[in-house]
């Protein structure tokens, strides 16, 4: 991704991530694996896609690991902002 940016460009990554509170994380996992697929089945007749979404979110690297991966790819600075208790995060990387 770094080579596709202008010289002073920024990388912005908006991703589902890992909740920072352990109790909230358990509730979020329960919701993701029990409620979300049922909603997908009811609303769009597709529970499998929503089951896959929950599984892929769980496999995604956490905020710190993604930050490390971005820095290892050659970016000089990277920080992240947690939203919704870490359910979503925004990573901002600079190549300065």
N, C-alpha and C. Protein backbone atom coordinates (compact mmCIF):
# COMPACT_ATOMS: atom_id res chain seq x y z
N UNK A 1 0.83 -1.19 0.00
CA UNK A 1 0.00 0.00 0.00
C UNK A 1 0.87 1.25 0.00
N UNK A 2 2.03 1.17 0.63
CA UNK A 2 2.87 2.35 0.75
C UNK A 2 3.30 2.88 -0.61
N UNK A 3 3.62 1.99 -1.52
CA UNK A 3 4.11 2.44 -2.83
C UNK A 3 3.03 3.08 -3.68
N UNK A 4 1.76 2.89 -3.32
CA UNK A 4 0.66 3.47 -4.09
C UNK A 4 0.30 4.88 -3.64
N UNK A 5 0.86 5.32 -2.53
CA UNK A 5 0.54 6.65 -2.01
C UNK A 5 1.47 7.70 -2.59
N UNK A 6 0.99 8.94 -2.62
CA UNK A 6 1.87 10.05 -2.97
C UNK A 6 2.95 10.16 -1.90
N UNK A 7 3.98 10.91 -2.19
CA UNK A 7 5.12 11.01 -1.29
C UNK A 7 4.70 11.43 0.13
N UNK A 8 3.81 12.36 0.27
CA UNK A 8 3.38 12.80 1.61
C UNK A 8 1.99 12.27 1.96
N UNK A 9 1.59 11.19 1.32
CA UNK A 9 0.26 10.64 1.53
C UNK A 9 0.10 9.94 2.87
N UNK A 10 -1.15 9.71 3.22
CA UNK A 10 -1.49 9.01 4.46
C UNK A 10 -2.26 7.75 4.13
N UNK A 11 -2.04 6.74 4.92
CA UNK A 11 -2.82 5.51 4.83
C UNK A 11 -3.85 5.54 5.95
N UNK A 12 -5.11 5.34 5.59
CA UNK A 12 -6.19 5.26 6.57
C UNK A 12 -6.85 3.90 6.43
N UNK A 13 -6.92 3.16 7.54
CA UNK A 13 -7.52 1.83 7.52
C UNK A 13 -8.63 1.81 8.57
N UNK A 14 -9.84 1.56 8.12
CA UNK A 14 -10.99 1.40 9.01
C UNK A 14 -11.34 -0.08 9.05
N UNK A 15 -11.24 -0.69 10.21
CA UNK A 15 -11.42 -2.14 10.32
C UNK A 15 -12.22 -2.49 11.57
N UNK A 16 -12.94 -3.60 11.50
CA UNK A 16 -13.42 -4.21 12.73
C UNK A 16 -12.20 -4.64 13.50
N UNK A 17 -12.26 -4.57 14.82
CA UNK A 17 -11.08 -4.87 15.61
C UNK A 17 -11.46 -5.59 16.89
N UNK A 18 -10.57 -5.57 17.87
CA UNK A 18 -10.78 -6.29 19.12
C UNK A 18 -11.23 -5.32 20.21
N UNK A 19 -12.37 -5.58 20.85
CA UNK A 19 -12.80 -4.72 21.96
C UNK A 19 -11.75 -4.69 23.06
N UNK A 20 -11.60 -3.55 23.70
CA UNK A 20 -10.57 -3.37 24.71
C UNK A 20 -10.99 -3.85 26.09
N UNK A 21 -12.28 -3.91 26.35
CA UNK A 21 -12.79 -4.36 27.65
C UNK A 21 -13.10 -5.85 27.57
N UNK A 22 -12.52 -6.68 28.45
CA UNK A 22 -12.73 -8.14 28.37
C UNK A 22 -14.20 -8.56 28.51
N UNK A 23 -14.94 -7.91 29.38
CA UNK A 23 -16.36 -8.27 29.56
C UNK A 23 -17.15 -7.90 28.31
N UNK A 24 -16.92 -6.69 27.81
CA UNK A 24 -17.59 -6.27 26.59
C UNK A 24 -17.21 -7.18 25.42
N UNK A 25 -15.97 -7.63 25.39
CA UNK A 25 -15.49 -8.52 24.33
C UNK A 25 -16.29 -9.83 24.32
N UNK A 26 -16.56 -10.38 25.49
CA UNK A 26 -17.35 -11.61 25.57
C UNK A 26 -18.77 -11.39 25.08
N UNK A 27 -19.35 -10.26 25.46
CA UNK A 27 -20.71 -9.93 25.01
C UNK A 27 -20.73 -9.75 23.49
N UNK A 28 -19.73 -9.05 22.98
CA UNK A 28 -19.64 -8.81 21.54
C UNK A 28 -19.47 -10.12 20.77
N UNK A 29 -18.63 -11.02 21.27
CA UNK A 29 -18.46 -12.33 20.63
C UNK A 29 -19.78 -13.11 20.62
N UNK A 30 -20.48 -13.11 21.74
CA UNK A 30 -21.76 -13.81 21.82
C UNK A 30 -22.74 -13.23 20.80
N UNK A 31 -22.82 -11.91 20.74
CA UNK A 31 -23.70 -11.24 19.78
C UNK A 31 -23.30 -11.61 18.34
N UNK A 32 -21.99 -11.55 18.06
CA UNK A 32 -21.51 -11.81 16.70
C UNK A 32 -21.81 -13.22 16.22
N UNK A 33 -21.73 -14.20 17.11
CA UNK A 33 -21.92 -15.58 16.71
C UNK A 33 -23.34 -16.10 16.89
N UNK A 34 -24.14 -15.41 17.69
CA UNK A 34 -25.50 -15.90 17.95
C UNK A 34 -26.60 -15.03 17.37
N UNK A 35 -26.45 -13.72 17.46
CA UNK A 35 -27.50 -12.81 17.00
C UNK A 35 -27.29 -12.39 15.55
N UNK A 36 -26.07 -12.00 15.21
CA UNK A 36 -25.79 -11.48 13.87
C UNK A 36 -26.18 -12.46 12.76
N UNK A 37 -25.80 -13.75 12.83
CA UNK A 37 -26.23 -14.68 11.77
C UNK A 37 -27.76 -14.84 11.70
N UNK A 38 -28.43 -14.80 12.84
CA UNK A 38 -29.89 -14.90 12.82
C UNK A 38 -30.52 -13.67 12.16
N UNK A 39 -29.97 -12.49 12.45
CA UNK A 39 -30.46 -11.28 11.78
C UNK A 39 -30.23 -11.37 10.27
N UNK A 40 -29.07 -11.88 9.88
CA UNK A 40 -28.79 -12.06 8.45
C UNK A 40 -29.77 -13.01 7.80
N UNK A 41 -30.13 -14.05 8.52
CA UNK A 41 -31.09 -15.01 8.00
C UNK A 41 -32.48 -14.38 7.84
N UNK A 42 -32.88 -13.61 8.83
CA UNK A 42 -34.21 -12.98 8.80
C UNK A 42 -34.28 -11.86 7.77
N UNK A 43 -33.28 -10.99 7.77
CA UNK A 43 -33.35 -9.78 6.94
C UNK A 43 -32.99 -10.01 5.47
N UNK A 44 -32.00 -10.85 5.21
CA UNK A 44 -31.55 -11.03 3.83
C UNK A 44 -31.46 -12.49 3.41
N UNK A 45 -31.99 -13.37 4.23
CA UNK A 45 -32.01 -14.80 3.94
C UNK A 45 -30.59 -15.34 3.67
N UNK A 46 -29.63 -14.89 4.50
CA UNK A 46 -28.24 -15.30 4.31
C UNK A 46 -27.50 -15.31 5.65
N UNK A 47 -27.64 -16.36 6.40
CA UNK A 47 -26.95 -16.43 7.70
C UNK A 47 -25.47 -16.77 7.53
N UNK A 48 -25.13 -17.49 6.46
CA UNK A 48 -23.74 -17.94 6.28
C UNK A 48 -22.77 -16.78 6.12
N UNK A 49 -23.16 -15.76 5.39
CA UNK A 49 -22.28 -14.60 5.21
C UNK A 49 -22.01 -13.90 6.53
N UNK A 50 -23.02 -13.83 7.37
CA UNK A 50 -22.87 -13.16 8.66
C UNK A 50 -22.10 -14.03 9.65
N UNK A 51 -22.19 -15.32 9.52
CA UNK A 51 -21.35 -16.22 10.31
C UNK A 51 -19.89 -16.06 9.89
N UNK A 52 -19.67 -15.99 8.58
CA UNK A 52 -18.31 -15.78 8.06
C UNK A 52 -17.77 -14.43 8.54
N UNK A 53 -18.60 -13.40 8.55
CA UNK A 53 -18.17 -12.08 9.02
C UNK A 53 -17.68 -12.17 10.45
N UNK A 54 -18.43 -12.82 11.32
CA UNK A 54 -18.03 -12.96 12.72
C UNK A 54 -16.71 -13.72 12.84
N UNK A 55 -16.56 -14.78 12.06
CA UNK A 55 -15.33 -15.57 12.11
C UNK A 55 -14.13 -14.78 11.59
N UNK A 56 -14.33 -14.01 10.52
CA UNK A 56 -13.21 -13.25 9.96
C UNK A 56 -12.80 -12.11 10.87
N UNK A 57 -13.76 -11.51 11.58
CA UNK A 57 -13.41 -10.47 12.55
C UNK A 57 -12.55 -11.05 13.66
N UNK A 58 -12.89 -12.22 14.11
CA UNK A 58 -12.13 -12.86 15.19
C UNK A 58 -10.70 -13.18 14.74
N UNK A 59 -10.50 -13.50 13.47
CA UNK A 59 -9.18 -13.86 12.95
C UNK A 59 -8.32 -12.63 12.61
N UNK A 60 -8.94 -11.47 12.50
CA UNK A 60 -8.21 -10.25 12.13
C UNK A 60 -7.24 -9.87 13.24
N UNK A 61 -6.07 -9.34 12.88
CA UNK A 61 -5.12 -8.93 13.91
C UNK A 61 -5.68 -7.82 14.80
N UNK A 62 -5.26 -7.81 16.05
CA UNK A 62 -5.72 -6.74 16.94
C UNK A 62 -5.04 -5.42 16.57
N UNK A 63 -5.40 -4.37 17.26
CA UNK A 63 -4.94 -3.03 16.92
C UNK A 63 -3.41 -2.91 16.95
N UNK A 64 -2.79 -3.42 18.01
CA UNK A 64 -1.34 -3.31 18.13
C UNK A 64 -0.61 -4.12 17.06
N UNK A 65 -1.11 -5.32 16.78
CA UNK A 65 -0.46 -6.16 15.77
C UNK A 65 -0.59 -5.53 14.38
N UNK A 66 -1.76 -4.98 14.04
CA UNK A 66 -1.92 -4.32 12.75
C UNK A 66 -1.00 -3.10 12.66
N UNK A 67 -0.90 -2.36 13.75
CA UNK A 67 0.02 -1.21 13.79
C UNK A 67 1.45 -1.67 13.51
N UNK A 68 1.87 -2.75 14.15
CA UNK A 68 3.23 -3.29 13.93
C UNK A 68 3.43 -3.73 12.48
N UNK A 69 2.42 -4.37 11.91
CA UNK A 69 2.52 -4.81 10.52
C UNK A 69 2.66 -3.62 9.57
N UNK A 70 1.93 -2.56 9.85
CA UNK A 70 2.01 -1.35 9.01
C UNK A 70 3.41 -0.74 9.11
N UNK A 71 3.95 -0.65 10.33
CA UNK A 71 5.29 -0.10 10.51
C UNK A 71 6.35 -0.99 9.86
N UNK A 72 6.19 -2.29 9.95
CA UNK A 72 7.14 -3.22 9.32
C UNK A 72 7.12 -3.12 7.80
N UNK A 73 5.99 -2.65 7.25
CA UNK A 73 5.92 -2.51 5.80
C UNK A 73 6.63 -1.26 5.29
N UNK A 74 7.14 -0.44 6.21
CA UNK A 74 7.94 0.71 5.79
C UNK A 74 7.39 2.07 6.17
N UNK A 75 6.21 2.13 6.71
CA UNK A 75 5.69 3.42 7.16
C UNK A 75 6.49 3.88 8.37
N UNK A 76 6.69 5.19 8.48
CA UNK A 76 7.49 5.73 9.57
C UNK A 76 6.69 5.92 10.85
N UNK A 77 5.43 6.29 10.73
CA UNK A 77 4.58 6.53 11.89
C UNK A 77 3.22 5.87 11.66
N UNK A 78 2.66 5.35 12.73
CA UNK A 78 1.32 4.78 12.65
C UNK A 78 0.68 4.88 14.04
N UNK A 79 -0.53 5.37 14.06
CA UNK A 79 -1.29 5.40 15.31
C UNK A 79 -2.70 4.92 15.00
N UNK A 80 -3.41 4.53 16.04
CA UNK A 80 -4.78 4.07 15.82
C UNK A 80 -5.71 4.69 16.85
N UNK A 81 -6.96 4.74 16.46
CA UNK A 81 -8.02 5.29 17.30
C UNK A 81 -9.11 4.23 17.43
N UNK A 82 -9.43 3.87 18.65
CA UNK A 82 -10.50 2.91 18.88
C UNK A 82 -11.84 3.62 18.91
N UNK A 83 -12.81 3.03 18.26
CA UNK A 83 -14.18 3.52 18.29
C UNK A 83 -15.05 2.41 18.86
N UNK A 84 -16.12 2.77 19.54
CA UNK A 84 -17.05 1.78 20.09
C UNK A 84 -16.34 0.74 20.94
N UNK A 85 -15.49 1.22 21.85
CA UNK A 85 -14.77 0.33 22.77
C UNK A 85 -13.84 -0.64 22.03
N UNK A 86 -13.36 -0.26 20.86
CA UNK A 86 -12.43 -1.10 20.12
C UNK A 86 -13.08 -2.03 19.11
N UNK A 87 -14.40 -2.01 19.01
CA UNK A 87 -15.07 -2.85 17.99
C UNK A 87 -14.59 -2.44 16.60
N UNK A 88 -14.36 -1.16 16.44
CA UNK A 88 -13.84 -0.62 15.18
C UNK A 88 -12.62 0.23 15.53
N UNK A 89 -11.63 0.19 14.67
CA UNK A 89 -10.49 1.08 14.86
C UNK A 89 -10.09 1.70 13.53
N UNK A 90 -9.50 2.87 13.66
CA UNK A 90 -8.97 3.58 12.49
C UNK A 90 -7.46 3.69 12.68
N UNK A 91 -6.72 3.14 11.73
CA UNK A 91 -5.26 3.26 11.75
C UNK A 91 -4.88 4.35 10.76
N UNK A 92 -3.98 5.22 11.20
CA UNK A 92 -3.47 6.31 10.36
C UNK A 92 -1.96 6.15 10.29
N UNK A 93 -1.44 6.00 9.08
CA UNK A 93 0.00 5.82 8.89
C UNK A 93 0.54 6.90 7.98
N UNK A 94 1.76 7.33 8.28
CA UNK A 94 2.45 8.38 7.52
C UNK A 94 3.77 7.81 7.00
N UNK A 95 4.18 8.31 5.87
CA UNK A 95 5.46 7.90 5.30
C UNK A 95 6.43 9.07 5.30
N UNK A 96 6.44 9.80 6.40
CA UNK A 96 7.31 10.99 6.50
C UNK A 96 8.57 10.66 7.22
